[in-house]
PDB file of N, CA and C in Angstrom:
ATOM      1  N   UNK A   1     -45.204 -25.265   7.041  1.00  0.00           N
ATOM      2  CA  UNK A   1     -46.046 -24.129   7.299  1.00  0.00           C
ATOM      3  C   UNK A   1     -46.537 -24.212   8.743  1.00  0.00           C
ATOM      4  N   UNK A   2     -46.526 -23.078   9.427  1.00  0.00           N
ATOM      5  CA  UNK A   2     -46.954 -23.029  10.823  1.00  0.00           C
ATOM      6  C   UNK A   2     -48.417 -22.623  10.876  1.00  0.00           C
ATOM      7  N   UNK A   3     -49.203 -23.379  11.619  1.00  0.00           N
ATOM      8  CA  UNK A   3     -50.602 -23.022  11.818  1.00  0.00           C
ATOM      9  C   UNK A   3     -50.727 -22.233  13.108  1.00  0.00           C
ATOM     10  N   UNK A   4     -51.454 -21.123  13.054  1.00  0.00           N
ATOM     11  CA  UNK A   4     -51.635 -20.261  14.213  1.00  0.00           C
ATOM     12  C   UNK A   4     -53.042 -20.446  14.755  1.00  0.00           C
ATOM     13  N   UNK A   5     -53.146 -20.320  16.072  1.00  0.00           N
ATOM     14  CA  UNK A   5     -54.482 -20.394  16.660  1.00  0.00           C
ATOM     15  C   UNK A   5     -55.096 -18.988  16.663  1.00  0.00           C
ATOM     16  N   UNK A   6     -56.334 -18.877  17.096  1.00  0.00           N
ATOM     17  CA  UNK A   6     -57.058 -17.600  17.039  1.00  0.00           C
ATOM     18  C   UNK A   6     -56.387 -16.520  17.874  1.00  0.00           C
ATOM     19  N   UNK A   7     -55.849 -16.868  19.024  1.00  0.00           N
ATOM     20  CA  UNK A   7     -55.196 -15.881  19.890  1.00  0.00           C
ATOM     21  C   UNK A   7     -53.952 -15.313  19.211  1.00  0.00           C
ATOM     22  N   UNK A   8     -53.185 -16.167  18.564  1.00  0.00           N
ATOM     23  CA  UNK A   8     -51.984 -15.713  17.865  1.00  0.00           C
ATOM     24  C   UNK A   8     -52.342 -14.869  16.635  1.00  0.00           C
ATOM     25  N   UNK A   9     -53.418 -15.221  15.958  1.00  0.00           N
ATOM     26  CA  UNK A   9     -53.850 -14.443  14.804  1.00  0.00           C
ATOM     27  C   UNK A   9     -54.271 -13.031  15.197  1.00  0.00           C
ATOM     28  N   UNK A  10     -54.862 -12.881  16.380  1.00  0.00           N
ATOM     29  CA  UNK A  10     -55.308 -11.562  16.839  1.00  0.00           C
ATOM     30  C   UNK A  10     -54.125 -10.655  17.171  1.00  0.00           C
ATOM     31  N   UNK A  11     -52.964 -11.213  17.449  1.00  0.00           N
ATOM     32  CA  UNK A  11     -51.791 -10.431  17.839  1.00  0.00           C
ATOM     33  C   UNK A  11     -50.913 -10.019  16.669  1.00  0.00           C
ATOM     34  N   UNK A  12     -51.275 -10.382  15.447  1.00  0.00           N
ATOM     35  CA  UNK A  12     -50.459 -10.030  14.290  1.00  0.00           C
ATOM     36  C   UNK A  12     -50.631  -8.547  13.982  1.00  0.00           C
ATOM     37  N   UNK A  13     -49.507  -7.847  13.835  1.00  0.00           N
ATOM     38  CA  UNK A  13     -49.501  -6.427  13.497  1.00  0.00           C
ATOM     39  C   UNK A  13     -48.692  -6.236  12.229  1.00  0.00           C
ATOM     40  N   UNK A  14     -48.993  -5.172  11.526  1.00  0.00           N
ATOM     41  CA  UNK A  14     -48.214  -4.878  10.336  1.00  0.00           C
ATOM     42  C   UNK A  14     -49.105  -4.450   9.196  1.00  0.00           C
ATOM     43  N   UNK A  15     -48.527  -4.333   8.029  1.00  0.00           N
ATOM     44  CA  UNK A  15     -49.261  -3.915   6.850  1.00  0.00           C
ATOM     45  C   UNK A  15     -48.863  -2.512   6.450  1.00  0.00           C
ATOM     46  N   UNK A  16     -49.353  -2.111   5.328  1.00  0.00           N
ATOM     47  CA  UNK A  16     -49.026  -0.785   4.806  1.00  0.00           C
ATOM     48  C   UNK A  16     -49.818   0.274   5.558  1.00  0.00           C
ATOM     49  N   UNK A  17     -49.225   1.426   5.689  1.00  0.00           N
ATOM     50  CA  UNK A  17     -49.936   2.527   6.316  1.00  0.00           C
ATOM     51  C   UNK A  17     -50.941   3.109   5.331  1.00  0.00           C
ATOM     52  N   UNK A  18     -51.840   3.930   5.822  1.00  0.00           N
ATOM     53  CA  UNK A  18     -52.908   4.492   4.994  1.00  0.00           C
ATOM     54  C   UNK A  18     -52.371   5.480   3.972  1.00  0.00           C
ATOM     55  N   UNK A  19     -51.407   6.288   4.365  1.00  0.00           N
ATOM     56  CA  UNK A  19     -50.883   7.325   3.476  1.00  0.00           C
ATOM     57  C   UNK A  19     -49.683   6.760   2.725  1.00  0.00           C
ATOM     58  N   UNK A  20     -49.903   6.437   1.467  1.00  0.00           N
ATOM     59  CA  UNK A  20     -48.837   5.930   0.615  1.00  0.00           C
ATOM     60  C   UNK A  20     -48.641   6.896  -0.543  1.00  0.00           C
ATOM     61  N   UNK A  21     -47.597   6.675  -1.315  1.00  0.00           N
ATOM     62  CA  UNK A  21     -47.312   7.547  -2.448  1.00  0.00           C
ATOM     63  C   UNK A  21     -48.426   7.465  -3.484  1.00  0.00           C
ATOM     64  N   UNK A  22     -48.953   6.280  -3.726  1.00  0.00           N
ATOM     65  CA  UNK A  22     -50.022   6.154  -4.716  1.00  0.00           C
ATOM     66  C   UNK A  22     -51.298   6.833  -4.231  1.00  0.00           C
ATOM     67  N   UNK A  23     -51.577   6.786  -2.938  1.00  0.00           N
ATOM     68  CA  UNK A  23     -52.747   7.482  -2.393  1.00  0.00           C
ATOM     69  C   UNK A  23     -52.597   8.987  -2.540  1.00  0.00           C
ATOM     70  N   UNK A  24     -51.424   9.519  -2.233  1.00  0.00           N
ATOM     71  CA  UNK A  24     -51.185  10.959  -2.375  1.00  0.00           C
ATOM     72  C   UNK A  24     -51.278  11.392  -3.836  1.00  0.00           C
ATOM     73  N   UNK A  25     -50.767  10.569  -4.744  1.00  0.00           N
ATOM     74  CA  UNK A  25     -50.840  10.879  -6.164  1.00  0.00           C
ATOM     75  C   UNK A  25     -52.287  10.898  -6.633  1.00  0.00           C
ATOM     76  N   UNK A  26     -53.073   9.934  -6.233  1.00  0.00           N
ATOM     77  CA  UNK A  26     -54.480   9.885  -6.625  1.00  0.00           C
ATOM     78  C   UNK A  26     -55.252  11.058  -6.042  1.00  0.00           C
ATOM     79  N   UNK A  27     -54.968  11.419  -4.801  1.00  0.00           N
ATOM     80  CA  UNK A  27     -55.658  12.539  -4.165  1.00  0.00           C
ATOM     81  C   UNK A  27     -55.318  13.854  -4.863  1.00  0.00           C
ATOM     82  N   UNK A  28     -54.061  14.051  -5.209  1.00  0.00           N
ATOM     83  CA  UNK A  28     -53.671  15.295  -5.880  1.00  0.00           C
ATOM     84  C   UNK A  28     -54.268  15.368  -7.281  1.00  0.00           C
ATOM     85  N   UNK A  29     -54.354  14.239  -7.971  1.00  0.00           N
ATOM     86  CA  UNK A  29     -54.981  14.227  -9.294  1.00  0.00           C
ATOM     87  C   UNK A  29     -56.476  14.528  -9.189  1.00  0.00           C
ATOM     88  N   UNK A  30     -57.127  14.003  -8.167  1.00  0.00           N
ATOM     89  CA  UNK A  30     -58.555  14.266  -7.979  1.00  0.00           C
ATOM     90  C   UNK A  30     -58.797  15.741  -7.691  1.00  0.00           C
ATOM     91  N   UNK A  31     -57.989  16.319  -6.841  1.00  0.00           N
ATOM     92  CA  UNK A  31     -58.128  17.748  -6.528  1.00  0.00           C
ATOM     93  C   UNK A  31     -57.864  18.592  -7.769  1.00  0.00           C
ATOM     94  N   UNK A  32     -56.855  18.225  -8.542  1.00  0.00           N
ATOM     95  CA  UNK A  32     -56.543  18.960  -9.765  1.00  0.00           C
ATOM     96  C   UNK A  32     -57.689  18.870 -10.770  1.00  0.00           C
ATOM     97  N   UNK A  33     -58.287  17.696 -10.893  1.00  0.00           N
ATOM     98  CA  UNK A  33     -59.410  17.526 -11.812  1.00  0.00           C
ATOM     99  C   UNK A  33     -60.607  18.366 -11.379  1.00  0.00           C
ATOM    100  N   UNK A  34     -60.897  18.375 -10.087  1.00  0.00           N
ATOM    101  CA  UNK A  34     -62.007  19.178  -9.572  1.00  0.00           C
ATOM    102  C   UNK A  34     -61.752  20.663  -9.810  1.00  0.00           C
ATOM    103  N   UNK A  35     -60.513  21.100  -9.622  1.00  0.00           N
ATOM    104  CA  UNK A  35     -60.171  22.506  -9.875  1.00  0.00           C
ATOM    105  C   UNK A  35     -60.333  22.854 -11.350  1.00  0.00           C
ATOM    106  N   UNK A  36     -59.918  21.971 -12.251  1.00  0.00           N
ATOM    107  CA  UNK A  36     -60.061  22.218 -13.682  1.00  0.00           C
ATOM    108  C   UNK A  36     -61.525  22.295 -14.089  1.00  0.00           C
ATOM    109  N   UNK A  37     -62.355  21.413 -13.553  1.00  0.00           N
ATOM    110  CA  UNK A  37     -63.783  21.443 -13.858  1.00  0.00           C
ATOM    111  C   UNK A  37     -64.395  22.755 -13.376  1.00  0.00           C
ATOM    112  N   UNK A  38     -64.055  23.176 -12.181  1.00  0.00           N
ATOM    113  CA  UNK A  38     -64.564  24.439 -11.652  1.00  0.00           C
ATOM    114  C   UNK A  38     -64.107  25.631 -12.464  1.00  0.00           C
ATOM    115  N   UNK A  39     -62.865  25.598 -12.901  1.00  0.00           N
ATOM    116  CA  UNK A  39     -62.332  26.700 -13.702  1.00  0.00           C
ATOM    117  C   UNK A  39     -63.047  26.788 -15.042  1.00  0.00           C
ATOM    118  N   UNK A  40     -63.250  25.653 -15.706  1.00  0.00           N
ATOM    119  CA  UNK A  40     -63.924  25.683 -17.004  1.00  0.00           C
ATOM    120  C   UNK A  40     -65.400  26.035 -16.853  1.00  0.00           C
ATOM    121  N   UNK A  41     -66.027  25.574 -15.794  1.00  0.00           N
ATOM    122  CA  UNK A  41     -67.430  25.925 -15.550  1.00  0.00           C
ATOM    123  C   UNK A  41     -67.569  27.417 -15.278  1.00  0.00           C
ATOM    124  N   UNK A  42     -66.673  27.976 -14.487  1.00  0.00           N
ATOM    125  CA  UNK A  42     -66.702  29.408 -14.208  1.00  0.00           C
ATOM    126  C   UNK A  42     -66.468  30.236 -15.458  1.00  0.00           C
ATOM    127  N   UNK A  43     -65.556  29.792 -16.311  1.00  0.00           N
ATOM    128  CA  UNK A  43     -65.296  30.521 -17.559  1.00  0.00           C
ATOM    129  C   UNK A  43     -66.501  30.475 -18.472  1.00  0.00           C
ATOM    130  N   UNK A  44     -67.156  29.318 -18.566  1.00  0.00           N
ATOM    131  CA  UNK A  44     -68.325  29.221 -19.446  1.00  0.00           C
ATOM    132  C   UNK A  44     -69.482  30.057 -18.913  1.00  0.00           C
ATOM    133  N   UNK A  45     -69.652  30.118 -17.609  1.00  0.00           N
ATOM    134  CA  UNK A  45     -70.697  30.966 -17.032  1.00  0.00           C
ATOM    135  C   UNK A  45     -70.396  32.431 -17.303  1.00  0.00           C
ATOM    136  N   UNK A  46     -69.139  32.825 -17.138  1.00  0.00           N
ATOM    137  CA  UNK A  46     -68.764  34.215 -17.385  1.00  0.00           C
ATOM    138  C   UNK A  46     -68.962  34.584 -18.847  1.00  0.00           C
ATOM    139  N   UNK A  47     -68.593  33.671 -19.781  1.00  0.00           N
ATOM    140  CA  UNK A  47     -68.797  33.944 -21.204  1.00  0.00           C
ATOM    141  C   UNK A  47     -70.273  34.022 -21.552  1.00  0.00           C
ATOM    142  N   UNK A  48     -71.097  33.199 -20.904  1.00  0.00           N
ATOM    143  CA  UNK A  48     -72.538  33.225 -21.184  1.00  0.00           C
ATOM    144  C   UNK A  48     -73.162  34.523 -20.688  1.00  0.00           C
ATOM    145  N   UNK A  49     -72.720  35.005 -19.542  1.00  0.00           N
ATOM    146  CA  UNK A  49     -73.275  36.249 -18.994  1.00  0.00           C
ATOM    147  C   UNK A  49     -72.836  37.454 -19.835  1.00  0.00           C
ATOM    148  N   UNK A  50     -71.579  37.476 -20.228  1.00  0.00           N
ATOM    149  CA  UNK A  50     -71.057  38.594 -21.020  1.00  0.00           C
ATOM    150  C   UNK A  50     -71.451  38.502 -22.490  1.00  0.00           C
ATOM    151  N   UNK A  51     -71.879  37.349 -22.930  1.00  0.00           N
ATOM    152  CA  UNK A  51     -72.246  37.178 -24.323  1.00  0.00           C
ATOM    153  C   UNK A  51     -71.083  37.092 -25.259  1.00  0.00           C
ATOM    154  N   UNK A  52     -69.920  36.785 -24.764  1.00  0.00           N
ATOM    155  CA  UNK A  52     -68.735  36.686 -25.624  1.00  0.00           C
ATOM    156  C   UNK A  52     -68.444  35.221 -25.928  1.00  0.00           C
ATOM    157  N   UNK A  53     -68.951  34.769 -27.071  1.00  0.00           N
ATOM    158  CA  UNK A  53     -68.717  33.405 -27.517  1.00  0.00           C
ATOM    159  C   UNK A  53     -67.722  33.415 -28.670  1.00  0.00           C
ATOM    160  N   UNK A  54     -67.018  32.335 -28.853  1.00  0.00           N
ATOM    161  CA  UNK A  54     -66.124  32.212 -29.983  1.00  0.00           C
ATOM    162  C   UNK A  54     -66.953  31.814 -31.204  1.00  0.00           C
ATOM    163  N   UNK A  55     -66.855  32.587 -32.280  1.00  0.00           N
ATOM    164  CA  UNK A  55     -67.590  32.250 -33.492  1.00  0.00           C
ATOM    165  C   UNK A  55     -66.692  31.403 -34.394  1.00  0.00           C
ATOM    166  N   UNK A  56     -67.312  30.437 -35.004  1.00  0.00           N
ATOM    167  CA  UNK A  56     -66.540  29.519 -35.857  1.00  0.00           C
ATOM    168  C   UNK A  56     -66.568  29.995 -37.291  1.00  0.00           C
TER     169      UNK A  56
END
């Protein structure tokens, strides 16, 4: 195993980039979830204002 000094450690470059497939998948799922919550909230507000509830 090679031991590196502090100067050599500072020069190391590499690693994964910020935008990966898993990050994009998580972001799209989060946006989709927020849209679904907004859609259901808007529908419930509209039903409450119009007074049209589903009777069981």
